[in-house]
Structures are given as C-alpha cells and as structure tokens.
Amino acid sequence: MAITLKDVEYVANLAKLELSEEEKERFQKELDNIIKYIDQLNEVDTENVPITSHVIPLQNILREDKVLPSLSADEALANAPEKKDGFFKVPRVIG
C-alpha cells in the first residue's frame, strides 16, 4: 500500500495541520517508507513467539506492597491553606 499525497492531505486535515507542498511531499515519502517497513515486518514468522516476548529478560524490580502507618485526614490537611468538607480546596482551573 503506497501513501499518496491525498492520504497526507487527509491526515493533515484530521490533525488540523497546514502543510506546504514541500512538506506534503516530504511526509508522503516518510510515511510511505514507514508503511513499507511495517509490510516487511509483517512478513516475519512470529507463529511460535509468545506475545510478551522481549529481547532481554524482564524482571519486576518493585517492592511488595505493604500497609504502613500514614497520616490521618486531619494531619494531612493541617497545613492546607484552604480546605472544605475534609478535602483540599484548590482554585478552579477548567471553566
């Protein structure tokens, strides 16, 4: 599947991008190369490769979850500049 200039214009329109003719041609070539590479990868036989296969072995390095003592709600809110109904009160950001 080759990427055409029409495809680039369609994607640019979806992304609300204005591209010059030079940019359209450059992106057409770059996207076409990416599609060709994906087609090449699709030819690789992955029938017996587990889905979670990695090049290097992975190991979880996170510690086990432990319940530890923590602050009470009153202690956490003690230095809050503003609080309301047991929560931090913050300025409205989104109208």
N, C-alpha and C. Protein backbone atom coordinates (compact mmCIF):
# COMPACT_ATOMS: atom_id res chain seq x y z
N MET A 1 0.84 -1.18 0.00
CA MET A 1 0.00 0.00 0.00
C MET A 1 0.88 1.24 0.00
N ALA A 2 0.80 2.03 -1.02
CA ALA A 2 1.60 3.25 -1.12
C ALA A 2 0.80 4.42 -0.57
N ILE A 3 1.51 5.30 0.11
CA ILE A 3 0.89 6.52 0.64
C ILE A 3 0.91 7.58 -0.46
N THR A 4 -0.22 8.18 -0.69
CA THR A 4 -0.33 9.21 -1.73
C THR A 4 -0.37 10.59 -1.08
N LEU A 5 -0.21 11.62 -1.91
CA LEU A 5 -0.33 12.99 -1.39
C LEU A 5 -1.74 13.23 -0.86
N LYS A 6 -2.72 12.60 -1.47
CA LYS A 6 -4.10 12.73 -1.00
C LYS A 6 -4.24 12.17 0.42
N ASP A 7 -3.54 11.04 0.70
CA ASP A 7 -3.55 10.46 2.05
C ASP A 7 -2.93 11.43 3.05
N VAL A 8 -1.82 12.05 2.66
CA VAL A 8 -1.14 13.00 3.55
C VAL A 8 -2.05 14.19 3.82
N GLU A 9 -2.71 14.69 2.80
CA GLU A 9 -3.62 15.82 2.98
C GLU A 9 -4.78 15.45 3.90
N TYR A 10 -5.29 14.23 3.77
CA TYR A 10 -6.39 13.76 4.61
C TYR A 10 -5.96 13.71 6.08
N VAL A 11 -4.79 13.12 6.34
CA VAL A 11 -4.30 13.02 7.72
C VAL A 11 -3.99 14.41 8.27
N ALA A 12 -3.40 15.27 7.46
CA ALA A 12 -3.11 16.63 7.90
C ALA A 12 -4.40 17.36 8.26
N ASN A 13 -5.44 17.15 7.48
CA ASN A 13 -6.72 17.78 7.77
C ASN A 13 -7.29 17.26 9.09
N LEU A 14 -7.19 15.94 9.33
CA LEU A 14 -7.67 15.39 10.60
C LEU A 14 -6.92 15.97 11.79
N ALA A 15 -5.60 16.20 11.59
CA ALA A 15 -4.77 16.73 12.66
C ALA A 15 -4.79 18.26 12.71
N LYS A 16 -5.60 18.87 11.84
CA LYS A 16 -5.71 20.33 11.77
C LYS A 16 -4.35 20.98 11.51
N LEU A 17 -3.58 20.37 10.56
CA LEU A 17 -2.27 20.89 10.19
C LEU A 17 -2.33 21.50 8.81
N GLU A 18 -1.65 22.62 8.66
CA GLU A 18 -1.50 23.21 7.34
C GLU A 18 -0.09 22.91 6.87
N LEU A 19 0.02 22.18 5.77
CA LEU A 19 1.32 21.79 5.25
C LEU A 19 1.57 22.45 3.90
N SER A 20 2.82 22.85 3.69
CA SER A 20 3.19 23.37 2.37
C SER A 20 3.31 22.18 1.41
N GLU A 21 3.38 22.47 0.12
CA GLU A 21 3.52 21.40 -0.87
C GLU A 21 4.81 20.61 -0.63
N GLU A 22 5.87 21.33 -0.24
CA GLU A 22 7.15 20.67 0.06
C GLU A 22 7.02 19.72 1.25
N GLU A 23 6.31 20.16 2.28
CA GLU A 23 6.09 19.32 3.46
C GLU A 23 5.24 18.10 3.12
N LYS A 24 4.22 18.31 2.30
CA LYS A 24 3.37 17.19 1.90
C LYS A 24 4.18 16.12 1.18
N GLU A 25 5.05 16.55 0.27
CA GLU A 25 5.88 15.59 -0.46
C GLU A 25 6.85 14.87 0.47
N ARG A 26 7.44 15.62 1.40
CA ARG A 26 8.39 15.01 2.34
C ARG A 26 7.67 13.99 3.23
N PHE A 27 6.51 14.35 3.77
CA PHE A 27 5.77 13.43 4.63
C PHE A 27 5.24 12.23 3.85
N GLN A 28 4.89 12.45 2.60
CA GLN A 28 4.43 11.33 1.77
C GLN A 28 5.53 10.29 1.64
N LYS A 29 6.76 10.74 1.39
CA LYS A 29 7.89 9.80 1.27
C LYS A 29 8.18 9.12 2.61
N GLU A 30 8.18 9.90 3.69
CA GLU A 30 8.48 9.34 5.01
C GLU A 30 7.41 8.32 5.43
N LEU A 31 6.15 8.67 5.26
CA LEU A 31 5.07 7.75 5.64
C LEU A 31 5.07 6.51 4.75
N ASP A 32 5.38 6.69 3.48
CA ASP A 32 5.46 5.55 2.57
C ASP A 32 6.57 4.59 3.01
N ASN A 33 7.71 5.16 3.44
CA ASN A 33 8.82 4.31 3.94
C ASN A 33 8.42 3.57 5.21
N ILE A 34 7.67 4.22 6.06
CA ILE A 34 7.21 3.57 7.30
C ILE A 34 6.28 2.41 6.97
N ILE A 35 5.35 2.63 6.05
CA ILE A 35 4.42 1.56 5.65
C ILE A 35 5.18 0.39 5.02
N LYS A 36 6.17 0.69 4.19
CA LYS A 36 6.99 -0.37 3.58
C LYS A 36 7.70 -1.18 4.67
N TYR A 37 8.22 -0.50 5.69
CA TYR A 37 8.91 -1.20 6.77
C TYR A 37 7.94 -2.07 7.55
N ILE A 38 6.74 -1.58 7.80
CA ILE A 38 5.72 -2.37 8.50
C ILE A 38 5.36 -3.60 7.68
N ASP A 39 5.23 -3.42 6.35
CA ASP A 39 4.95 -4.56 5.48
C ASP A 39 6.07 -5.59 5.57
N GLN A 40 7.31 -5.11 5.65
CA GLN A 40 8.46 -6.01 5.79
C GLN A 40 8.39 -6.76 7.12
N LEU A 41 8.02 -6.07 8.19
CA LEU A 41 7.89 -6.73 9.49
C LEU A 41 6.77 -7.76 9.49
N ASN A 42 5.70 -7.48 8.75
CA ASN A 42 4.58 -8.41 8.68
C ASN A 42 4.95 -9.73 8.01
N GLU A 43 6.04 -9.76 7.27
CA GLU A 43 6.50 -10.98 6.60
C GLU A 43 7.23 -11.92 7.56
N VAL A 44 7.65 -11.41 8.71
CA VAL A 44 8.40 -12.23 9.68
C VAL A 44 7.46 -13.25 10.31
N ASP A 45 7.94 -14.49 10.40
CA ASP A 45 7.15 -15.56 11.01
C ASP A 45 7.21 -15.43 12.53
N THR A 46 6.10 -15.10 13.14
CA THR A 46 6.03 -14.95 14.60
C THR A 46 5.10 -15.98 15.21
N GLU A 47 4.85 -17.05 14.48
CA GLU A 47 3.89 -18.07 14.90
C GLU A 47 4.20 -18.63 16.29
N ASN A 48 5.46 -18.92 16.58
CA ASN A 48 5.83 -19.57 17.84
C ASN A 48 6.46 -18.60 18.84
N VAL A 49 6.26 -17.31 18.63
CA VAL A 49 6.83 -16.31 19.54
C VAL A 49 5.73 -15.88 20.51
N PRO A 50 5.99 -16.03 21.81
CA PRO A 50 4.97 -15.58 22.78
C PRO A 50 4.69 -14.09 22.64
N ILE A 51 3.48 -13.69 22.90
CA ILE A 51 3.08 -12.30 22.74
C ILE A 51 3.92 -11.36 23.60
N THR A 52 4.30 -11.79 24.78
CA THR A 52 5.05 -10.92 25.67
C THR A 52 6.56 -11.11 25.53
N SER A 53 7.00 -11.60 24.41
CA SER A 53 8.42 -11.85 24.18
C SER A 53 9.20 -10.53 24.15
N HIS A 54 10.38 -10.53 24.77
CA HIS A 54 11.26 -9.37 24.78
C HIS A 54 12.67 -9.81 24.40
N VAL A 55 13.46 -8.88 23.92
CA VAL A 55 14.82 -9.18 23.53
C VAL A 55 15.65 -9.55 24.76
N ILE A 56 15.43 -8.84 25.86
CA ILE A 56 16.15 -9.14 27.09
C ILE A 56 15.15 -9.60 28.14
N PRO A 57 15.58 -10.45 29.06
CA PRO A 57 14.64 -10.89 30.10
C PRO A 57 14.24 -9.72 31.00
N LEU A 58 12.98 -9.67 31.33
CA LEU A 58 12.48 -8.60 32.20
C LEU A 58 12.13 -9.17 33.57
N GLN A 59 12.33 -8.34 34.57
CA GLN A 59 12.04 -8.76 35.93
C GLN A 59 11.47 -7.56 36.68
N ASN A 60 10.43 -7.79 37.45
CA ASN A 60 9.83 -6.73 38.23
C ASN A 60 10.77 -6.35 39.37
N ILE A 61 11.15 -5.06 39.44
CA ILE A 61 12.06 -4.62 40.48
C ILE A 61 11.34 -3.83 41.57
N LEU A 62 10.02 -3.83 41.53
CA LEU A 62 9.26 -3.10 42.53
C LEU A 62 9.15 -3.93 43.81
N ARG A 63 9.05 -3.25 44.91
CA ARG A 63 8.91 -3.93 46.19
C ARG A 63 7.48 -4.42 46.36
N GLU A 64 7.29 -5.32 47.27
CA GLU A 64 5.94 -5.80 47.59
C GLU A 64 5.17 -4.67 48.28
N ASP A 65 3.88 -4.61 48.05
CA ASP A 65 3.04 -3.62 48.73
C ASP A 65 2.90 -4.00 50.20
N LYS A 66 3.06 -3.00 51.06
CA LYS A 66 2.89 -3.22 52.50
C LYS A 66 2.04 -2.09 53.05
N VAL A 67 1.13 -2.42 53.91
CA VAL A 67 0.33 -1.41 54.58
C VAL A 67 1.17 -0.84 55.72
N LEU A 68 1.41 0.46 55.68
CA LEU A 68 2.22 1.14 56.70
C LEU A 68 1.41 2.27 57.31
N PRO A 69 1.80 2.72 58.49
CA PRO A 69 1.08 3.84 59.10
C PRO A 69 1.19 5.08 58.20
N SER A 70 0.11 5.85 58.15
CA SER A 70 0.12 7.06 57.34
C SER A 70 -0.58 8.18 58.10
N LEU A 71 -0.61 9.34 57.49
CA LEU A 71 -1.25 10.49 58.13
C LEU A 71 -2.76 10.32 58.16
N SER A 72 -3.35 10.83 59.21
CA SER A 72 -4.81 10.89 59.23
C SER A 72 -5.25 12.04 58.33
N ALA A 73 -6.51 12.09 57.99
CA ALA A 73 -7.02 13.18 57.15
C ALA A 73 -6.78 14.53 57.81
N ASP A 74 -6.99 14.61 59.12
CA ASP A 74 -6.77 15.87 59.83
C ASP A 74 -5.31 16.29 59.79
N GLU A 75 -4.39 15.34 59.94
CA GLU A 75 -2.95 15.66 59.89
C GLU A 75 -2.56 16.11 58.47
N ALA A 76 -3.09 15.44 57.45
CA ALA A 76 -2.76 15.80 56.08
C ALA A 76 -3.26 17.19 55.74
N LEU A 77 -4.41 17.57 56.27
CA LEU A 77 -5.00 18.87 55.96
C LEU A 77 -4.55 19.98 56.92
N ALA A 78 -3.73 19.65 57.91
CA ALA A 78 -3.37 20.61 58.95
C ALA A 78 -2.75 21.89 58.39
N ASN A 79 -1.91 21.80 57.39
CA ASN A 79 -1.24 22.99 56.85
C ASN A 79 -1.83 23.46 55.53
N ALA A 80 -2.96 22.93 55.15
CA ALA A 80 -3.59 23.33 53.88
C ALA A 80 -4.06 24.77 53.99
N PRO A 81 -3.77 25.59 52.98
CA PRO A 81 -4.24 26.98 53.04
C PRO A 81 -5.77 27.08 53.04
N GLU A 82 -6.41 26.16 52.31
CA GLU A 82 -7.88 26.13 52.30
C GLU A 82 -8.33 24.68 52.27
N LYS A 83 -9.39 24.39 53.00
CA LYS A 83 -9.96 23.04 53.00
C LYS A 83 -11.47 23.15 53.09
N LYS A 84 -12.15 22.10 52.60
CA LYS A 84 -13.60 22.10 52.63
C LYS A 84 -14.08 20.66 52.71
N ASP A 85 -14.90 20.37 53.68
CA ASP A 85 -15.51 19.04 53.85
C ASP A 85 -14.47 17.92 53.89
N GLY A 86 -13.32 18.18 54.51
CA GLY A 86 -12.30 17.14 54.66
C GLY A 86 -11.43 16.95 53.43
N PHE A 87 -11.45 17.90 52.49
CA PHE A 87 -10.63 17.81 51.28
C PHE A 87 -9.85 19.11 51.10
N PHE A 88 -8.75 19.05 50.31
CA PHE A 88 -8.04 20.26 49.94
C PHE A 88 -8.93 21.06 49.00
N LYS A 89 -9.00 22.36 49.22
CA LYS A 89 -9.75 23.22 48.32
C LYS A 89 -8.73 23.92 47.42
N VAL A 90 -8.93 23.78 46.12
CA VAL A 90 -7.99 24.37 45.16
C VAL A 90 -8.76 25.27 44.21
N PRO A 91 -8.06 26.22 43.59
CA PRO A 91 -8.74 27.11 42.64
C PRO A 91 -9.26 26.33 41.43
N ARG A 92 -10.37 26.76 40.89
CA ARG A 92 -10.93 26.14 39.70
C ARG A 92 -9.99 26.42 38.53
N VAL A 93 -9.64 25.36 37.78
CA VAL A 93 -8.71 25.50 36.67
C VAL A 93 -9.44 25.47 35.34
N ILE A 94 -10.42 24.60 35.23
CA ILE A 94 -11.17 24.46 33.98
C ILE A 94 -12.56 25.06 34.19
N GLY A 95 -12.96 25.94 33.28
CA GLY A 95 -14.23 26.63 33.38
C GLY A 95 -15.36 25.73 33.19
